[in-house]
Amino acid sequence: MMNSVESRVPLLDHRIVEFSATIPQELKIKNYTLKYIFKQTIKKWIPTEIYNRKDKKRLSNTHKRMV
């Protein structure tokens, strides 16, 4: 679509979901940190203030107003 915004959820790709099911629980949550292994993996490419932020926002529903 030429004039649309498409939101994607890359972490819900079936290959990633299937792989994550094989990871031991103690690597997924450690010291009350969710997505522990994911954060350790992206640490070398993404600044801490991005992957460890607490003010996450969801997408707005503006498209409903437009229709």
PDB file of N, CA and C in Angstrom:
ATOM      1  N   MET A   1       0.840  -1.187   0.000  1.00  0.00           N
ATOM      2  CA  MET A   1       0.000   0.000   0.000  1.00  0.00           C
ATOM      3  C   MET A   1       0.877   1.240   0.000  1.00  0.00           C
ATOM      4  N   MET A   2       0.549   2.137  -0.867  1.00  0.00           N
ATOM      5  CA  MET A   2       1.401   3.298  -1.055  1.00  0.00           C
ATOM      6  C   MET A   2       1.320   4.296   0.102  1.00  0.00           C
ATOM      7  N   ASN A   3       0.155   4.495   0.687  1.00  0.00           N
ATOM      8  CA  ASN A   3      -0.016   5.535   1.697  1.00  0.00           C
ATOM      9  C   ASN A   3      -0.502   4.987   3.036  1.00  0.00           C
ATOM     10  N   SER A   4       0.105   3.934   3.479  1.00  0.00           N
ATOM     11  CA  SER A   4      -0.351   3.370   4.757  1.00  0.00           C
ATOM     12  C   SER A   4       0.831   3.129   5.689  1.00  0.00           C
ATOM     13  N   VAL A   5       0.506   2.983   6.943  1.00  0.00           N
ATOM     14  CA  VAL A   5       1.502   2.649   7.949  1.00  0.00           C
ATOM     15  C   VAL A   5       1.214   1.224   8.380  1.00  0.00           C
ATOM     16  N   GLU A   6       2.233   0.412   8.323  1.00  0.00           N
ATOM     17  CA  GLU A   6       2.037  -0.984   8.692  1.00  0.00           C
ATOM     18  C   GLU A   6       2.892  -1.273   9.921  1.00  0.00           C
ATOM     19  N   SER A   7       2.269  -1.736  10.972  1.00  0.00           N
ATOM     20  CA  SER A   7       3.043  -2.104  12.158  1.00  0.00           C
ATOM     21  C   SER A   7       3.360  -3.587  12.075  1.00  0.00           C
ATOM     22  N   ARG A   8       4.574  -3.907  12.405  1.00  0.00           N
ATOM     23  CA  ARG A   8       5.005  -5.300  12.368  1.00  0.00           C
ATOM     24  C   ARG A   8       5.511  -5.684  13.746  1.00  0.00           C
ATOM     25  N   VAL A   9       5.362  -6.920  14.055  1.00  0.00           N
ATOM     26  CA  VAL A   9       5.836  -7.432  15.334  1.00  0.00           C
ATOM     27  C   VAL A   9       6.877  -8.508  15.022  1.00  0.00           C
ATOM     28  N   PRO A  10       8.127  -8.100  14.808  1.00  0.00           N
ATOM     29  CA  PRO A  10       9.142  -9.054  14.369  1.00  0.00           C
ATOM     30  C   PRO A  10       9.425 -10.166  15.375  1.00  0.00           C
ATOM     31  N   LEU A  11       9.210  -9.903  16.650  1.00  0.00           N
ATOM     32  CA  LEU A  11       9.488 -10.937  17.643  1.00  0.00           C
ATOM     33  C   LEU A  11       8.410 -12.009  17.689  1.00  0.00           C
ATOM     34  N   LEU A  12       7.343 -11.858  16.916  1.00  0.00           N
ATOM     35  CA  LEU A  12       6.306 -12.884  16.858  1.00  0.00           C
ATOM     36  C   LEU A  12       6.423 -13.749  15.605  1.00  0.00           C
ATOM     37  N   ASP A  13       7.512 -13.610  14.881  1.00  0.00           N
ATOM     38  CA  ASP A  13       7.780 -14.499  13.756  1.00  0.00           C
ATOM     39  C   ASP A  13       7.824 -15.926  14.307  1.00  0.00           C
ATOM     40  N   HIS A  14       7.181 -16.868  13.650  1.00  0.00           N
ATOM     41  CA  HIS A  14       7.056 -18.220  14.186  1.00  0.00           C
ATOM     42  C   HIS A  14       8.407 -18.870  14.444  1.00  0.00           C
ATOM     43  N   ARG A  15       9.427 -18.538  13.673  1.00  0.00           N
ATOM     44  CA  ARG A  15      10.758 -19.130  13.895  1.00  0.00           C
ATOM     45  C   ARG A  15      11.370 -18.631  15.201  1.00  0.00           C
ATOM     46  N   ILE A  16      11.152 -17.359  15.502  1.00  0.00           N
ATOM     47  CA  ILE A  16      11.682 -16.808  16.756  1.00  0.00           C
ATOM     48  C   ILE A  16      10.907 -17.356  17.945  1.00  0.00           C
ATOM     49  N   VAL A  17       9.599 -17.471  17.809  1.00  0.00           N
ATOM     50  CA  VAL A  17       8.772 -18.017  18.892  1.00  0.00           C
ATOM     51  C   VAL A  17       9.173 -19.463  19.173  1.00  0.00           C
ATOM     52  N   GLU A  18       9.349 -20.247  18.132  1.00  0.00           N
ATOM     53  CA  GLU A  18       9.747 -21.646  18.309  1.00  0.00           C
ATOM     54  C   GLU A  18      11.127 -21.751  18.942  1.00  0.00           C
ATOM     55  N   PHE A  19      12.058 -20.920  18.510  1.00  0.00           N
ATOM     56  CA  PHE A  19      13.392 -20.936  19.107  1.00  0.00           C
ATOM     57  C   PHE A  19      13.350 -20.528  20.576  1.00  0.00           C
ATOM     58  N   SER A  20      12.589 -19.480  20.884  1.00  0.00           N
ATOM     59  CA  SER A  20      12.528 -19.007  22.266  1.00  0.00           C
ATOM     60  C   SER A  20      11.919 -20.041  23.206  1.00  0.00           C
ATOM     61  N   ALA A  21      11.103 -20.928  22.671  1.00  0.00           N
ATOM     62  CA  ALA A  21      10.522 -21.991  23.497  1.00  0.00           C
ATOM     63  C   ALA A  21      11.587 -22.993  23.943  1.00  0.00           C
ATOM     64  N   THR A  22      12.716 -23.025  23.245  1.00  0.00           N
ATOM     65  CA  THR A  22      13.785 -23.968  23.606  1.00  0.00           C
ATOM     66  C   THR A  22      14.796 -23.374  24.585  1.00  0.00           C
ATOM     67  N   ILE A  23      14.715 -22.071  24.837  1.00  0.00           N
ATOM     68  CA  ILE A  23      15.658 -21.403  25.736  1.00  0.00           C
ATOM     69  C   ILE A  23      15.245 -21.655  27.180  1.00  0.00           C
ATOM     70  N   PRO A  24      16.195 -22.041  28.043  1.00  0.00           N
ATOM     71  CA  PRO A  24      15.858 -22.271  29.455  1.00  0.00           C
ATOM     72  C   PRO A  24      15.289 -21.016  30.120  1.00  0.00           C
ATOM     73  N   GLN A  25      14.345 -21.219  31.013  1.00  0.00           N
ATOM     74  CA  GLN A  25      13.655 -20.117  31.690  1.00  0.00           C
ATOM     75  C   GLN A  25      14.619 -19.173  32.405  1.00  0.00           C
ATOM     76  N   GLU A  26      15.671 -19.705  33.007  1.00  0.00           N
ATOM     77  CA  GLU A  26      16.604 -18.852  33.759  1.00  0.00           C
ATOM     78  C   GLU A  26      17.371 -17.876  32.863  1.00  0.00           C
ATOM     79  N   LEU A  27      17.374 -18.107  31.556  1.00  0.00           N
ATOM     80  CA  LEU A  27      17.999 -17.158  30.638  1.00  0.00           C
ATOM     81  C   LEU A  27      17.002 -16.120  30.127  1.00  0.00           C
ATOM     82  N   LYS A  28      15.729 -16.415  30.229  1.00  0.00           N
ATOM     83  CA  LYS A  28      14.712 -15.467  29.772  1.00  0.00           C
ATOM     84  C   LYS A  28      14.458 -14.386  30.812  1.00  0.00           C
ATOM     85  N   ILE A  29      14.427 -14.760  32.079  1.00  0.00           N
ATOM     86  CA  ILE A  29      14.201 -13.813  33.175  1.00  0.00           C
ATOM     87  C   ILE A  29      15.310 -14.030  34.191  1.00  0.00           C
ATOM     88  N   LYS A  30      16.068 -12.978  34.459  1.00  0.00           N
ATOM     89  CA  LYS A  30      17.175 -13.073  35.415  1.00  0.00           C
ATOM     90  C   LYS A  30      17.193 -11.797  36.247  1.00  0.00           C
ATOM     91  N   ASN A  31      17.226 -11.948  37.553  1.00  0.00           N
ATOM     92  CA  ASN A  31      17.207 -10.799  38.467  1.00  0.00           C
ATOM     93  C   ASN A  31      16.044  -9.855  38.160  1.00  0.00           C
ATOM     94  N   TYR A  32      14.885 -10.424  37.909  1.00  0.00           N
ATOM     95  CA  TYR A  32      13.655  -9.677  37.619  1.00  0.00           C
ATOM     96  C   TYR A  32      13.751  -8.850  36.326  1.00  0.00           C
ATOM     97  N   THR A  33      14.698  -9.181  35.465  1.00  0.00           N
ATOM     98  CA  THR A  33      14.826  -8.517  34.169  1.00  0.00           C
ATOM     99  C   THR A  33      14.180  -9.395  33.118  1.00  0.00           C
ATOM    100  N   LEU A  34      13.088  -8.900  32.519  1.00  0.00           N
ATOM    101  CA  LEU A  34      12.422  -9.644  31.465  1.00  0.00           C
ATOM    102  C   LEU A  34      13.242  -9.559  30.183  1.00  0.00           C
ATOM    103  N   LYS A  35      13.133 -10.568  29.335  1.00  0.00           N
ATOM    104  CA  LYS A  35      13.862 -10.631  28.060  1.00  0.00           C
ATOM    105  C   LYS A  35      15.368 -10.516  28.281  1.00  0.00           C
ATOM    106  N   TYR A  36      15.859 -11.132  29.327  1.00  0.00           N
ATOM    107  CA  TYR A  36      17.272 -11.014  29.710  1.00  0.00           C
ATOM    108  C   TYR A  36      18.213 -11.395  28.566  1.00  0.00           C
ATOM    109  N   ILE A  37      18.042 -12.562  27.987  1.00  0.00           N
ATOM    110  CA  ILE A  37      18.957 -13.011  26.938  1.00  0.00           C
ATOM    111  C   ILE A  37      18.848 -12.129  25.696  1.00  0.00           C
ATOM    112  N   PHE A  38      17.664 -11.654  25.398  1.00  0.00           N
ATOM    113  CA  PHE A  38      17.472 -10.746  24.266  1.00  0.00           C
ATOM    114  C   PHE A  38      18.245  -9.449  24.493  1.00  0.00           C
ATOM    115  N   LYS A  39      18.128  -8.886  25.688  1.00  0.00           N
ATOM    116  CA  LYS A  39      18.819  -7.637  25.996  1.00  0.00           C
ATOM    117  C   LYS A  39      20.331  -7.821  25.984  1.00  0.00           C
ATOM    118  N   GLN A  40      20.806  -8.964  26.452  1.00  0.00           N
ATOM    119  CA  GLN A  40      22.238  -9.234  26.411  1.00  0.00           C
ATOM    120  C   GLN A  40      22.730  -9.358  24.972  1.00  0.00           C
ATOM    121  N   THR A  41      21.885  -9.899  24.117  1.00  0.00           N
ATOM    122  CA  THR A  41      22.254 -10.085  22.714  1.00  0.00           C
ATOM    123  C   THR A  41      22.349  -8.758  21.974  1.00  0.00           C
ATOM    124  N   ILE A  42      21.398  -7.863  22.191  1.00  0.00           N
ATOM    125  CA  ILE A  42      21.375  -6.598  21.445  1.00  0.00           C
ATOM    126  C   ILE A  42      22.241  -5.511  22.079  1.00  0.00           C
ATOM    127  N   LYS A  43      22.794  -5.801  23.246  1.00  0.00           N
ATOM    128  CA  LYS A  43      23.561  -4.823  24.002  1.00  0.00           C
ATOM    129  C   LYS A  43      24.687  -4.166  23.196  1.00  0.00           C
ATOM    130  N   LYS A  44      25.341  -4.923  22.328  1.00  0.00           N
ATOM    131  CA  LYS A  44      26.479  -4.363  21.599  1.00  0.00           C
ATOM    132  C   LYS A  44      26.070  -3.450  20.444  1.00  0.00           C
ATOM    133  N   TRP A  45      24.799  -3.451  20.065  1.00  0.00           N
ATOM    134  CA  TRP A  45      24.354  -2.623  18.943  1.00  0.00           C
ATOM    135  C   TRP A  45      23.405  -1.494  19.342  1.00  0.00           C
ATOM    136  N   ILE A  46      22.668  -1.668  20.425  1.00  0.00           N
ATOM    137  CA  ILE A  46      21.627  -0.709  20.811  1.00  0.00           C
ATOM    138  C   ILE A  46      22.024  -0.030  22.131  1.00  0.00           C
ATOM    139  N   PRO A  47      21.915   1.293  22.218  1.00  0.00           N
ATOM    140  CA  PRO A  47      22.237   1.989  23.470  1.00  0.00           C
ATOM    141  C   PRO A  47      21.325   1.535  24.623  1.00  0.00           C
ATOM    142  N   THR A  48      21.874   1.521  25.812  1.00  0.00           N
ATOM    143  CA  THR A  48      21.151   1.083  27.007  1.00  0.00           C
ATOM    144  C   THR A  48      19.844   1.833  27.201  1.00  0.00           C
ATOM    145  N   GLU A  49      19.850   3.146  26.962  1.00  0.00           N
ATOM    146  CA  GLU A  49      18.627   3.925  27.183  1.00  0.00           C
ATOM    147  C   GLU A  49      17.492   3.524  26.258  1.00  0.00           C
ATOM    148  N   ILE A  50      17.794   2.818  25.189  1.00  0.00           N
ATOM    149  CA  ILE A  50      16.734   2.349  24.290  1.00  0.00           C
ATOM    150  C   ILE A  50      16.225   0.984  24.717  1.00  0.00           C
ATOM    151  N   TYR A  51      17.091   0.002  24.882  1.00  0.00           N
ATOM    152  CA  TYR A  51      16.605  -1.341  25.185  1.00  0.00           C
ATOM    153  C   TYR A  51      16.200  -1.530  26.633  1.00  0.00           C
ATOM    154  N   ASN A  52      16.520  -0.583  27.472  1.00  0.00           N
ATOM    155  CA  ASN A  52      16.180  -0.725  28.887  1.00  0.00           C
ATOM    156  C   ASN A  52      15.213   0.356  29.351  1.00  0.00           C
ATOM    157  N   ARG A  53      14.521   0.976  28.414  1.00  0.00           N
ATOM    158  CA  ARG A  53      13.641   2.093  28.773  1.00  0.00           C
ATOM    159  C   ARG A  53      12.379   1.615  29.483  1.00  0.00           C
ATOM    160  N   LYS A  54      11.837   2.495  30.294  1.00  0.00           N
ATOM    161  CA  LYS A  54      10.652   2.170  31.094  1.00  0.00           C
ATOM    162  C   LYS A  54       9.404   2.898  30.611  1.00  0.00           C
ATOM    163  N   ASP A  55       9.551   3.825  29.670  1.00  0.00           N
ATOM    164  CA  ASP A  55       8.425   4.641  29.226  1.00  0.00           C
ATOM    165  C   ASP A  55       7.881   4.182  27.873  1.00  0.00           C
ATOM    166  N   LYS A  56       7.706   2.924  27.705  1.00  0.00           N
ATOM    167  CA  LYS A  56       7.244   2.392  26.424  1.00  0.00           C
ATOM    168  C   LYS A  56       5.832   2.868  26.128  1.00  0.00           C
ATOM    169  N   LYS A  57       5.603   3.178  24.865  1.00  0.00           N
ATOM    170  CA  LYS A  57       4.295   3.673  24.440  1.00  0.00           C
ATOM    171  C   LYS A  57       3.758   2.754  23.357  1.00  0.00           C
ATOM    172  N   ARG A  58       2.478   2.602  23.321  1.00  0.00           N
ATOM    173  CA  ARG A  58       1.886   1.782  22.275  1.00  0.00           C
ATOM    174  C   ARG A  58       1.502   2.644  21.091  1.00  0.00           C
ATOM    175  N   LEU A  59       1.222   2.004  19.987  1.00  0.00           N
ATOM    176  CA  LEU A  59       0.803   2.733  18.794  1.00  0.00           C
ATOM    177  C   LEU A  59      -0.553   3.386  19.032  1.00  0.00           C
ATOM    178  N   SER A  60      -0.741   4.523  18.429  1.00  0.00           N
ATOM    179  CA  SER A  60      -2.018   5.205  18.597  1.00  0.00           C
ATOM    180  C   SER A  60      -3.078   4.598  17.694  1.00  0.00           C
ATOM    181  N   ASN A  61      -4.313   4.912  17.967  1.00  0.00           N
ATOM    182  CA  ASN A  61      -5.432   4.408  17.188  1.00  0.00           C
ATOM    183  C   ASN A  61      -5.972   5.478  16.241  1.00  0.00           C
ATOM    184  N   THR A  62      -5.109   6.298  15.686  1.00  0.00           N
ATOM    185  CA  THR A  62      -5.574   7.380  14.823  1.00  0.00           C
ATOM    186  C   THR A  62      -6.230   6.863  13.558  1.00  0.00           C
ATOM    187  N   HIS A  63      -5.850   5.692  13.128  1.00  0.00           N
ATOM    188  CA  HIS A  63      -6.449   5.156  11.901  1.00  0.00           C
ATOM    189  C   HIS A  63      -7.952   4.918  12.053  1.00  0.00           C
ATOM    190  N   LYS A  64      -8.420   4.648  13.256  1.00  0.00           N
ATOM    191  CA  LYS A  64      -9.860   4.440  13.479  1.00  0.00           C
ATOM    192  C   LYS A  64     -10.632   5.739  13.257  1.00  0.00           C
ATOM    193  N   ARG A  65     -10.032   6.867  13.616  1.00  0.00           N
ATOM    194  CA  ARG A  65     -10.675   8.164  13.421  1.00  0.00           C
ATOM    195  C   ARG A  65     -10.748   8.533  11.948  1.00  0.00           C
ATOM    196  N   MET A  66      -9.791   8.051  11.166  1.00  0.00           N
ATOM    197  CA  MET A  66      -9.730   8.398   9.754  1.00  0.00           C
ATOM    198  C   MET A  66     -10.784   7.650   8.922  1.00  0.00           C
ATOM    199  N   VAL A  67     -11.191   6.496   9.380  1.00  0.00           N
ATOM    200  CA  VAL A  67     -12.106   5.647   8.596  1.00  0.00           C
ATOM    201  C   VAL A  67     -13.518   6.095   8.691  1.00  0.00           C
TER     202      VAL A  67
END
